[in-house]
Amino acid sequence: MAHAVLICSGARVPAARLLDHPLLDRLSIITEHGHTARYPDGVAVETVGSVHDVDEVLAAAWRIAGRHPLDGVLAPYEVGLPAAGYVRTVLGLPGPDFTTATLFTNKHAMKQRLAAAGLPLMPFAGAHSDAQVRARAVEFGWPVVVKPAYGGGSKDVAVVADAAELDAWLAGGGSPRPRNPTAVVERRADILVEYHCDGVVHDGAVRSVVTSRYLEPVLGRIGQGDPYGSYQLPSDHPEHRAVAELHAAAVAALGLRSGVTHLEVFGTPDGLRVSEVACRPGGGAIPAAIHLRSGVDLVDACVRTSLGLPPFPDGTPAPARTDARYVGHCGLALRPGTITELSTEAELAALPGVLDVVLHQRVGDRIAGHIYSASAAGFVHVGADTEEEVRERLATVRAAYRIRTRPDGTGPDGTGPESTRPEGPPASAAPDSTVPDRTAPDATDPRPPTPDHAAPAAPARPVAEAVAS
């Protein structure tokens, strides 16, 4: 049994399986000020002003280690990875060190290293001021993709079509600043298809790799009412083999010895192009989907490798829970406001090929906050024999799903009507068709359902990812 510290920003509520992992007899938390009430009694919590401040996080970890020796640092969320690497390096703990964590989180440093190793990327450049961002955009030609070097969940990632849109992005928070001093500007890819590739690495070798194909490219759809969906490709699928080769090359280039990975790859008219890679589990229901089809538990592998253990308890993954050749999953759209009607698990489970349904929201929940690429009211997993069939079954789920909300201040007792729409793109006439902006809360949230008539007075549920982002 071991003692680990979990680094988690105030914007996240860790899943229960992290807080109660069987390998840990003691878990301490480092989070940001004002968020200690999210954790159970008996869990030691240290707070910092920001998990981005690696020295402040190190001081908190030092205080924790002084009370009880530490065996590892858990960082399943993107924003905690650099500080986790710093703590591991200074305190001599297992897992990705500060250099490795930086290469997997600083998108400019990452792309430089991948390009030097010969991996195919879109043309890119780093910029450290607004003027440099504008100059690089002009060099590449419109449209361009802009993003901060550090960040997760596609936050502040945008496609800008001209100088006016770029200025709006800079003014809205994209401008380089001391805490995030580099912006990445890259030529926009003509994306025909997008993949994610999720792996487990131990002793420098890839021990498991799964390639999945998104139902549509993620960039540009965030906040449009369509959470991501994807399906896993069989190991003999030619697209899997090509993406898996890029994954192995990326892992080698960035120097990961042990851990879990999440790679994003674009298919373009000119071939595959690597987008980004992270050393953490993929967000949303990606770990659950992979566990269902292949038996690989990415979250458990993340914990084990963070403690310096082999990723699989018995040397190999557990058996798969389905023999379906194709397994896909899709997120269910969130809407801002108070939920007054929501598809039930039983309704969704009755659809063709459905293997599992998990809902994170309930009638009466009030949705507010920021949206990430894995934001969803829940997830549905389906199985199929062919690629065409898995896509059809996921489309059926999306079409059947319904959510009805009352925007804050409107509805029967307010100034406007309730509104409803299926999970697809928002209707421009809907009074609450603004971008939903919060992530799906952990399904283990203990708060009881709030009656619909009382919902306007209820606080918004804390932001969380299903596993990671």
Protein backbone atom coordinates (compact mmCIF):
# COMPACT_ATOMS: atom_id res chain seq x y z
CA MET A 1 0.00 0.00 0.00
CA ALA A 2 1.18 3.50 -0.79
CA HIS A 3 0.77 7.21 -0.10
CA ALA A 4 0.29 9.46 -3.12
CA VAL A 5 -0.51 13.11 -3.60
CA LEU A 6 -3.08 14.08 -6.24
CA ILE A 7 -2.62 17.46 -7.92
CA CYS A 8 -5.95 18.85 -9.07
CA SER A 9 -7.02 22.36 -10.06
CA GLY A 10 -10.09 23.99 -8.56
CA ALA A 11 -11.90 23.39 -11.85
CA ARG A 12 -11.87 19.62 -11.38
CA VAL A 13 -13.59 17.11 -9.13
CA PRO A 14 -11.62 13.85 -9.26
CA ALA A 15 -13.50 10.64 -9.98
CA ALA A 16 -14.26 8.50 -6.95
CA ARG A 17 -12.03 5.68 -8.22
CA LEU A 18 -9.03 8.01 -7.89
CA LEU A 19 -9.98 9.06 -4.37
CA ASP A 20 -10.50 5.44 -3.30
CA HIS A 21 -7.95 3.48 -5.35
CA PRO A 22 -7.11 0.06 -3.85
CA LEU A 23 -3.36 0.60 -4.16
CA LEU A 24 -3.51 3.67 -1.94
CA ASP A 25 -3.91 3.46 1.81
CA ARG A 26 -3.33 7.20 2.05
CA LEU A 27 -4.15 9.94 -0.49
CA SER A 28 -3.38 13.61 -0.04
CA ILE A 29 -4.67 16.40 -2.27
CA ILE A 30 -3.15 19.61 -3.57
CA THR A 31 -5.84 21.88 -4.96
CA GLU A 32 -6.52 25.59 -5.23
CA HIS A 33 -7.86 27.83 -2.47
CA GLY A 34 -11.58 27.60 -1.82
CA HIS A 35 -12.13 24.02 -2.96
CA THR A 36 -11.39 21.86 0.09
CA ALA A 37 -15.09 21.13 0.69
CA ARG A 38 -15.15 18.96 -2.45
CA TYR A 39 -13.11 16.26 -0.75
CA PRO A 40 -14.24 13.65 1.78
CA ASP A 41 -13.53 13.95 5.48
CA GLY A 42 -10.26 12.29 6.35
CA VAL A 43 -8.52 13.29 3.10
CA ALA A 44 -5.59 15.61 3.79
CA VAL A 45 -5.86 18.69 1.58
CA GLU A 46 -3.24 21.38 0.99
CA THR A 47 -4.23 24.45 -1.01
CA VAL A 48 -2.27 26.74 -3.30
CA GLY A 49 -3.12 29.89 -5.20
CA SER A 50 -2.65 28.10 -8.53
CA VAL A 51 -1.51 24.62 -9.55
CA HIS A 52 0.35 26.38 -12.37
CA ASP A 53 2.80 27.74 -9.74
CA VAL A 54 5.23 24.83 -9.53
CA ASP A 55 7.15 26.26 -6.57
CA GLU A 56 3.96 26.72 -4.57
CA VAL A 57 2.86 23.18 -5.40
CA LEU A 58 6.31 21.85 -4.43
CA ALA A 59 6.07 23.59 -1.06
CA ALA A 60 2.67 21.97 -0.46
CA ALA A 61 4.02 18.55 -1.46
CA TRP A 62 6.99 19.05 0.85
CA ARG A 63 4.65 19.75 3.77
CA ILE A 64 2.67 16.59 2.95
CA ALA A 65 5.83 14.47 2.60
CA GLY A 66 7.07 15.78 5.95
CA ARG A 67 4.02 14.31 7.66
CA HIS A 68 3.96 11.01 5.75
CA PRO A 69 6.57 9.86 3.18
CA LEU A 70 5.32 10.01 -0.40
CA ASP A 71 5.44 7.13 -2.89
CA GLY A 72 4.09 8.95 -5.94
CA VAL A 73 2.34 11.91 -7.52
CA LEU A 74 -0.94 11.54 -9.44
CA ALA A 75 -1.74 14.05 -12.16
CA PRO A 76 -4.55 12.70 -14.37
CA TYR A 77 -5.54 16.20 -15.57
CA GLU A 78 -3.63 18.33 -18.05
CA VAL A 79 -3.08 21.45 -15.94
CA GLY A 80 -1.49 19.50 -13.09
CA LEU A 81 1.10 17.71 -15.19
CA PRO A 82 3.95 20.29 -15.14
CA ALA A 83 3.77 20.74 -11.36
CA ALA A 84 3.61 16.97 -10.90
CA GLY A 85 6.76 16.56 -12.97
CA TYR A 86 8.50 19.25 -10.94
CA VAL A 87 7.58 17.61 -7.63
CA ARG A 88 8.71 14.20 -8.89
CA THR A 89 12.07 15.60 -10.02
CA VAL A 90 12.81 17.49 -6.79
CA LEU A 91 11.56 14.79 -4.41
CA GLY A 92 12.94 11.85 -6.41
CA LEU A 93 9.60 10.17 -7.09
CA PRO A 94 8.64 7.86 -10.00
CA GLY A 95 6.71 8.92 -13.08
CA PRO A 96 7.34 11.51 -15.82
CA ASP A 97 9.92 14.05 -14.61
CA PHE A 98 9.76 17.80 -15.15
CA THR A 99 11.47 17.74 -18.54
CA THR A 100 9.22 14.98 -19.86
CA ALA A 101 6.08 16.60 -18.43
CA THR A 102 7.03 19.90 -20.05
CA LEU A 103 7.51 18.27 -23.45
CA PHE A 104 4.06 16.65 -23.15
CA THR A 105 2.27 19.84 -22.01
CA ASN A 106 4.03 22.81 -23.60
CA LYS A 107 2.66 22.56 -27.13
CA HIS A 108 5.42 24.67 -28.64
CA ALA A 109 8.25 22.64 -27.05
CA MET A 110 6.36 19.46 -27.95
CA LYS A 111 5.99 20.36 -31.61
CA GLN A 112 9.63 21.43 -31.84
CA ARG A 113 10.79 18.07 -30.51
CA LEU A 114 8.38 16.07 -32.69
CA ALA A 115 9.38 18.02 -35.81
CA ALA A 116 13.07 17.47 -35.04
CA ALA A 117 12.37 13.73 -34.84
CA GLY A 118 10.82 13.79 -38.30
CA LEU A 119 7.15 13.39 -37.40
CA PRO A 120 4.69 15.06 -39.81
CA LEU A 121 3.06 18.22 -38.44
CA MET A 122 1.33 21.27 -39.84
CA PRO A 123 3.63 24.32 -40.14
CA PHE A 124 3.75 26.09 -36.76
CA ALA A 125 5.55 28.82 -34.86
CA GLY A 126 5.76 30.11 -31.31
CA ALA A 127 5.05 33.73 -30.42
CA HIS A 128 5.69 35.63 -27.21
CA SER A 129 3.78 38.86 -27.83
CA ASP A 130 0.63 40.00 -29.58
CA ALA A 131 2.73 41.53 -32.35
CA GLN A 132 4.52 38.24 -32.94
CA VAL A 133 1.22 36.33 -33.00
CA ARG A 134 -0.10 38.70 -35.67
CA ALA A 135 3.10 38.44 -37.70
CA ARG A 136 3.11 34.63 -37.65
CA ALA A 137 -0.54 34.53 -38.69
CA VAL A 138 0.17 36.74 -41.69
CA GLU A 139 3.14 34.56 -42.64
CA PHE A 140 1.01 31.39 -42.68
CA GLY A 141 -2.02 33.00 -44.30
CA TRP A 142 -5.62 32.92 -43.10
CA PRO A 143 -7.19 30.98 -41.53
CA VAL A 144 -4.83 29.90 -38.77
CA VAL A 145 -5.18 27.93 -35.55
CA VAL A 146 -4.09 29.75 -32.38
CA LYS A 147 -3.69 28.32 -28.91
CA PRO A 148 -1.76 28.96 -25.68
CA ALA A 149 1.26 26.69 -25.28
CA TYR A 150 -0.20 25.39 -22.01
CA GLY A 151 -3.83 24.37 -21.62
CA GLY A 152 -6.21 21.45 -21.71
CA GLY A 153 -9.66 20.53 -22.95
CA SER A 154 -9.28 22.72 -26.06
CA LYS A 155 -9.70 25.81 -23.87
CA ASP A 156 -8.74 29.00 -25.76
CA VAL A 157 -8.00 27.02 -28.95
CA ALA A 158 -9.51 28.79 -31.94
CA VAL A 159 -9.55 28.96 -35.71
CA VAL A 160 -9.32 32.62 -36.72
CA ALA A 161 -10.22 33.71 -40.23
CA ASP A 162 -8.79 37.23 -40.29
CA ALA A 163 -7.00 39.94 -38.31
CA ALA A 164 -10.19 41.06 -36.57
CA GLU A 165 -10.93 37.57 -35.25
CA LEU A 166 -7.32 37.23 -34.12
CA ASP A 167 -7.51 40.52 -32.21
CA ALA A 168 -10.69 39.31 -30.51
CA TRP A 169 -8.95 36.07 -29.52
CA LEU A 170 -5.99 37.97 -28.09
CA ALA A 171 -8.25 40.31 -26.14
CA GLY A 172 -10.34 37.41 -24.87
CA GLY A 173 -7.48 35.70 -23.04
CA GLY A 174 -5.21 34.28 -25.73
CA SER A 175 -2.59 37.00 -25.42
CA PRO A 176 0.82 35.71 -24.20
CA ARG A 177 1.45 36.57 -20.54
CA PRO A 178 4.02 35.64 -17.89
CA ARG A 179 2.21 32.53 -16.65
CA ASN A 180 1.60 31.28 -20.21
CA PRO A 181 4.21 33.17 -22.21
CA THR A 182 4.00 31.40 -25.56
CA ALA A 183 1.18 31.23 -28.08
CA VAL A 184 1.30 28.65 -30.86
CA VAL A 185 0.23 29.70 -34.34
CA GLU A 186 -0.16 27.02 -36.98
CA ARG A 187 -1.48 26.67 -40.49
CA ARG A 188 -4.98 25.26 -40.41
CA ALA A 189 -5.17 21.67 -41.61
CA ASP A 190 -7.73 20.56 -44.14
CA ILE A 191 -8.98 17.82 -41.84
CA LEU A 192 -10.64 14.91 -43.61
CA VAL A 193 -10.69 12.70 -40.51
CA GLU A 194 -9.37 12.93 -36.97
CA TYR A 195 -8.06 10.13 -34.74
CA HIS A 196 -7.10 9.73 -31.11
CA CYS A 197 -4.60 7.09 -30.10
CA ASP A 198 -4.39 5.98 -26.46
CA GLY A 199 -1.43 4.02 -25.19
CA VAL A 200 0.30 2.50 -22.19
CA VAL A 201 4.09 2.75 -21.97
CA HIS A 202 6.44 0.90 -19.63
CA ASP A 203 10.24 0.90 -19.59
CA GLY A 204 10.20 2.95 -22.79
CA ALA A 205 8.16 0.42 -24.77
CA VAL A 206 4.54 0.74 -25.89
CA ARG A 207 2.67 -2.09 -24.15
CA SER A 208 -0.83 -1.26 -25.40
CA VAL A 209 -2.14 1.05 -28.12
CA VAL A 210 -5.70 1.68 -29.32
CA THR A 211 -6.59 3.91 -32.27
CA SER A 212 -10.03 5.51 -32.45
CA ARG A 213 -11.64 7.58 -35.17
CA TYR A 214 -13.69 10.63 -34.21
CA LEU A 215 -17.14 10.92 -35.74
CA GLU A 216 -16.14 14.42 -36.86
CA PRO A 217 -13.12 16.67 -36.22
CA VAL A 218 -13.23 18.14 -32.71
CA LEU A 219 -11.88 21.61 -33.42
CA GLY A 220 -14.64 23.98 -34.40
CA ARG A 221 -17.42 21.91 -32.80
CA ILE A 222 -16.70 22.78 -29.17
CA GLY A 223 -19.73 24.46 -27.70
CA GLN A 224 -21.88 23.65 -30.74
CA GLY A 225 -24.06 21.15 -28.90
CA ASP A 226 -22.20 18.08 -30.20
CA PRO A 227 -19.81 16.59 -27.64
CA TYR A 228 -17.23 14.38 -29.29
CA GLY A 229 -17.90 10.81 -30.35
CA SER A 230 -15.48 8.16 -31.59
CA TYR A 231 -15.12 4.46 -32.31
CA GLN A 232 -12.15 2.13 -31.91
CA LEU A 233 -10.50 0.55 -34.91
CA PRO A 234 -9.59 -3.16 -34.93
CA SER A 235 -5.89 -3.97 -34.68
CA ASP A 236 -5.83 -5.18 -38.29
CA HIS A 237 -7.33 -1.95 -39.62
CA PRO A 238 -4.77 -0.15 -41.86
CA GLU A 239 -5.57 3.23 -40.31
CA HIS A 240 -4.80 1.84 -36.86
CA ARG A 241 -1.40 0.59 -37.95
CA ALA A 242 -0.44 3.96 -39.46
CA VAL A 243 -1.54 5.99 -36.43
CA ALA A 244 0.05 3.52 -33.98
CA GLU A 245 3.40 3.96 -35.74
CA LEU A 246 3.16 7.74 -35.21
CA HIS A 247 2.29 7.14 -31.56
CA ALA A 248 5.38 5.00 -31.01
CA ALA A 249 7.57 7.60 -32.71
CA ALA A 250 6.07 10.42 -30.60
CA VAL A 251 6.63 8.51 -27.35
CA ALA A 252 10.25 7.90 -28.29
CA ALA A 253 10.83 11.51 -29.36
CA LEU A 254 9.47 12.96 -26.13
CA GLY A 255 11.25 10.45 -23.91
CA LEU A 256 8.40 8.90 -21.94
CA ARG A 257 9.60 5.89 -19.95
CA SER A 258 6.36 4.83 -18.22
CA GLY A 259 2.85 6.25 -18.23
CA VAL A 260 -0.29 6.56 -20.32
CA THR A 261 -0.68 8.65 -23.46
CA HIS A 262 -3.34 10.36 -25.54
CA LEU A 263 -2.35 11.34 -29.10
CA GLU A 264 -4.40 13.39 -31.60
CA VAL A 265 -3.77 12.91 -35.33
CA PHE A 266 -5.33 14.58 -38.39
CA GLY A 267 -5.93 12.86 -41.70
CA THR A 268 -5.38 15.45 -44.46
CA PRO A 269 -5.19 15.37 -48.28
CA ASP A 270 -1.40 15.28 -47.82
CA GLY A 271 -1.40 12.40 -45.34
CA LEU A 272 -1.41 12.07 -41.56
CA ARG A 273 -0.37 15.01 -39.40
CA VAL A 274 0.34 14.83 -35.68
CA SER A 275 -1.56 17.44 -33.68
CA GLU A 276 -0.68 16.95 -29.99
CA VAL A 277 0.12 14.24 -27.47
CA ALA A 278 -0.41 14.14 -23.70
CA CYS A 279 0.97 11.88 -20.95
CA ARG A 280 -2.36 11.31 -19.18
CA PRO A 281 -5.58 9.38 -19.84
CA GLY A 282 -7.82 10.78 -22.54
CA GLY A 283 -10.79 12.86 -21.44
CA GLY A 284 -14.47 12.11 -21.19
CA ALA A 285 -15.42 8.45 -21.60
CA ILE A 286 -12.36 7.43 -23.63
CA PRO A 287 -10.86 5.34 -20.78
CA ALA A 288 -14.20 3.62 -20.16
CA ALA A 289 -14.64 2.85 -23.87
CA ILE A 290 -11.16 1.35 -24.16
CA HIS A 291 -11.64 -0.70 -21.00
CA LEU A 292 -14.92 -2.04 -22.38
CA ARG A 293 -13.46 -3.27 -25.67
CA SER A 294 -9.85 -4.17 -24.88
CA GLY A 295 -9.71 -4.67 -21.12
CA VAL A 296 -7.02 -1.96 -20.80
CA ASP A 297 -7.71 0.21 -17.74
CA LEU A 298 -5.98 3.50 -18.53
CA VAL A 299 -6.79 5.11 -15.18
CA ASP A 300 -5.42 2.16 -13.22
CA ALA A 301 -2.32 2.12 -15.45
CA CYS A 302 -1.85 5.84 -14.76
CA VAL A 303 -1.96 5.25 -11.00
CA ARG A 304 0.32 2.22 -11.16
CA THR A 305 3.00 3.86 -13.31
CA SER A 306 2.85 6.99 -11.11
CA LEU A 307 3.84 4.72 -8.21
CA GLY A 308 6.68 3.12 -10.18
CA LEU A 309 4.76 -0.13 -10.74
CA PRO A 310 4.16 -2.06 -13.98
CA PRO A 311 0.97 -0.82 -15.69
CA PHE A 312 -0.88 -4.15 -15.57
CA PRO A 313 -1.19 -6.11 -12.30
CA ASP A 314 -0.79 -9.52 -13.97
CA GLY A 315 1.49 -8.41 -16.77
CA THR A 316 -1.32 -8.14 -19.32
CA PRO A 317 -4.65 -6.27 -19.49
CA ALA A 318 -7.83 -7.81 -18.09
CA PRO A 319 -10.12 -9.56 -20.60
CA ALA A 320 -12.36 -7.40 -22.76
CA ARG A 321 -16.00 -7.09 -21.69
CA THR A 322 -17.41 -7.39 -25.22
CA ASP A 323 -16.53 -9.29 -28.38
CA ALA A 324 -17.89 -6.57 -30.68
CA ARG A 325 -15.42 -5.83 -33.47
CA TYR A 326 -16.20 -2.12 -33.30
CA VAL A 327 -17.01 -0.22 -30.09
CA GLY A 328 -17.95 3.42 -30.20
CA HIS A 329 -19.16 6.03 -27.76
CA CYS A 330 -20.59 9.51 -27.91
CA GLY A 331 -21.19 12.32 -25.47
CA LEU A 332 -24.65 13.71 -24.78
CA ALA A 333 -25.10 17.43 -25.22
CA LEU A 334 -25.18 19.83 -22.31
CA ARG A 335 -27.34 22.94 -22.33
CA PRO A 336 -26.95 26.02 -20.13
CA GLY A 337 -29.62 26.62 -17.54
CA THR A 338 -31.67 24.25 -15.39
CA ILE A 339 -32.51 20.79 -16.73
CA THR A 340 -36.27 20.14 -16.78
CA GLU A 341 -36.27 17.03 -19.00
CA LEU A 342 -33.57 14.51 -19.90
CA SER A 343 -33.48 11.16 -21.67
CA THR A 344 -33.33 8.31 -19.18
CA GLU A 345 -30.73 5.56 -19.04
CA ALA A 346 -33.44 3.00 -19.83
CA GLU A 347 -34.55 4.86 -22.96
CA LEU A 348 -30.99 5.12 -24.27
CA ALA A 349 -30.12 1.53 -23.30
CA ALA A 350 -32.99 0.25 -25.45
CA LEU A 351 -31.45 1.63 -28.65
CA PRO A 352 -29.75 -0.77 -31.10
CA GLY A 353 -26.34 -2.07 -30.05
CA VAL A 354 -26.08 -0.08 -26.81
CA LEU A 355 -23.61 -1.67 -24.38
CA ASP A 356 -23.56 0.87 -21.58
CA VAL A 357 -25.11 4.22 -20.60
CA VAL A 358 -23.74 6.61 -17.98
CA LEU A 359 -25.56 9.86 -17.17
CA HIS A 360 -23.75 12.56 -15.20
CA GLN A 361 -26.73 14.94 -14.97
CA ARG A 362 -30.20 14.81 -13.50
CA VAL A 363 -33.41 16.76 -13.86
CA GLY A 364 -33.04 19.82 -11.66
CA ASP A 365 -29.31 20.27 -12.20
CA ARG A 366 -28.22 23.77 -13.09
CA ILE A 367 -25.47 23.94 -15.74
CA ALA A 368 -23.01 26.81 -15.74
CA GLY A 369 -19.27 27.28 -16.15
CA HIS A 370 -16.80 26.56 -18.93
CA ILE A 371 -17.03 23.98 -21.70
CA TYR A 372 -14.21 21.62 -22.62
CA SER A 373 -13.84 19.21 -25.49
CA ALA A 374 -15.07 16.33 -23.30
CA SER A 375 -18.05 18.20 -21.83
CA ALA A 376 -21.19 16.06 -21.82
CA ALA A 377 -24.32 15.25 -19.84
CA GLY A 378 -23.30 11.61 -20.10
CA PHE A 379 -21.99 8.98 -22.50
CA VAL A 380 -23.42 6.05 -24.45
CA HIS A 381 -21.32 3.09 -25.64
CA VAL A 382 -22.37 0.92 -28.58
CA GLY A 383 -21.04 -2.24 -30.22
CA ALA A 384 -21.21 -3.27 -33.88
CA ASP A 385 -19.82 -5.75 -36.39
CA THR A 386 -18.86 -3.22 -39.07
CA GLU A 387 -17.58 0.33 -39.31
CA GLU A 388 -20.72 1.45 -41.10
CA GLU A 389 -22.92 -0.11 -38.43
CA VAL A 390 -21.11 1.52 -35.50
CA ARG A 391 -21.46 4.94 -37.13
CA GLU A 392 -25.17 4.33 -37.76
CA ARG A 393 -25.77 3.28 -34.16
CA LEU A 394 -24.00 6.33 -32.77
CA ALA A 395 -26.04 8.54 -35.09
CA THR A 396 -29.21 6.87 -33.76
CA VAL A 397 -28.18 7.68 -30.19
CA ARG A 398 -27.58 11.31 -31.04
CA ALA A 399 -30.91 11.61 -32.81
CA ALA A 400 -32.86 9.96 -29.98
CA TYR A 401 -31.28 11.88 -27.11
CA ARG A 402 -33.28 14.79 -25.73
CA ILE A 403 -32.58 17.48 -23.16
CA ARG A 404 -34.91 20.31 -22.14
CA THR A 405 -33.78 23.24 -20.02
CA ARG A 406 -35.07 26.41 -18.49
CA PRO A 407 -32.44 29.14 -18.84
CA ASP A 408 -31.79 31.06 -15.65
CA GLY A 409 -34.31 33.90 -15.39
CA THR A 410 -36.65 32.51 -18.04
CA GLY A 411 -39.30 29.83 -18.29
CA PRO A 412 -42.72 29.63 -16.67
CA ASP A 413 -41.81 32.13 -13.94
CA GLY A 414 -39.41 34.26 -15.98
CA THR A 415 -39.21 36.34 -19.09
CA GLY A 416 -39.11 33.69 -21.79
CA PRO A 417 -40.20 30.16 -22.66
CA GLU A 418 -38.54 26.91 -21.88
CA SER A 419 -36.71 25.54 -24.89
CA THR A 420 -35.80 22.13 -26.14
CA ARG A 421 -33.74 20.63 -28.90
CA PRO A 422 -32.08 17.33 -29.70
CA GLU A 423 -28.37 16.85 -29.25
CA GLY A 424 -27.41 18.31 -32.63
CA PRO A 425 -26.29 21.85 -33.53
CA PRO A 426 -28.02 24.63 -31.58
CA ALA A 427 -31.06 26.26 -33.12
CA SER A 428 -30.37 29.94 -33.63
CA ALA A 429 -33.88 30.89 -32.51
CA ALA A 430 -33.62 29.10 -29.16
CA PRO A 431 -33.54 31.63 -26.32
CA ASP A 432 -30.71 29.71 -24.62
CA SER A 433 -28.72 28.55 -27.63
CA THR A 434 -25.58 30.20 -26.32
CA VAL A 435 -22.49 28.05 -25.96
CA PRO A 436 -22.85 25.69 -22.99
CA ASP A 437 -19.78 26.17 -20.87
CA ARG A 438 -19.17 23.56 -18.26
CA THR A 439 -17.79 20.09 -18.10
CA ALA A 440 -19.70 17.01 -17.11
CA PRO A 441 -19.61 16.41 -13.37
CA ASP A 442 -18.37 13.18 -11.89
CA ALA A 443 -21.13 10.59 -11.82
CA THR A 444 -20.39 9.96 -8.16
CA ASP A 445 -21.57 13.41 -7.06
CA PRO A 446 -23.52 12.64 -3.84
CA ARG A 447 -25.88 15.59 -4.03
CA PRO A 448 -29.51 14.43 -4.39
CA PRO A 449 -31.57 15.54 -7.37
CA THR A 450 -32.98 19.02 -7.07
CA PRO A 451 -36.72 19.37 -7.77
CA ASP A 452 -37.30 21.26 -10.99
CA HIS A 453 -39.39 23.96 -9.32
CA ALA A 454 -36.55 24.67 -6.89
CA ALA A 455 -33.76 24.58 -9.45
CA PRO A 456 -33.31 28.34 -9.97
CA ALA A 457 -32.14 28.65 -6.37
CA ALA A 458 -29.74 25.70 -6.53
CA PRO A 459 -26.02 26.36 -6.99
CA ALA A 460 -24.32 25.14 -10.12
CA ARG A 461 -22.65 21.77 -9.70
CA PRO A 462 -18.85 21.89 -9.54
CA VAL A 463 -16.99 21.42 -12.78
CA ALA A 464 -15.43 18.02 -13.39
CA GLU A 465 -14.31 15.68 -16.11
CA ALA A 466 -15.48 12.09 -16.27
CA VAL A 467 -11.87 11.02 -15.92
CA ALA A 468 -9.46 13.49 -17.42
CA SER A 469 -8.92 16.40 -19.80
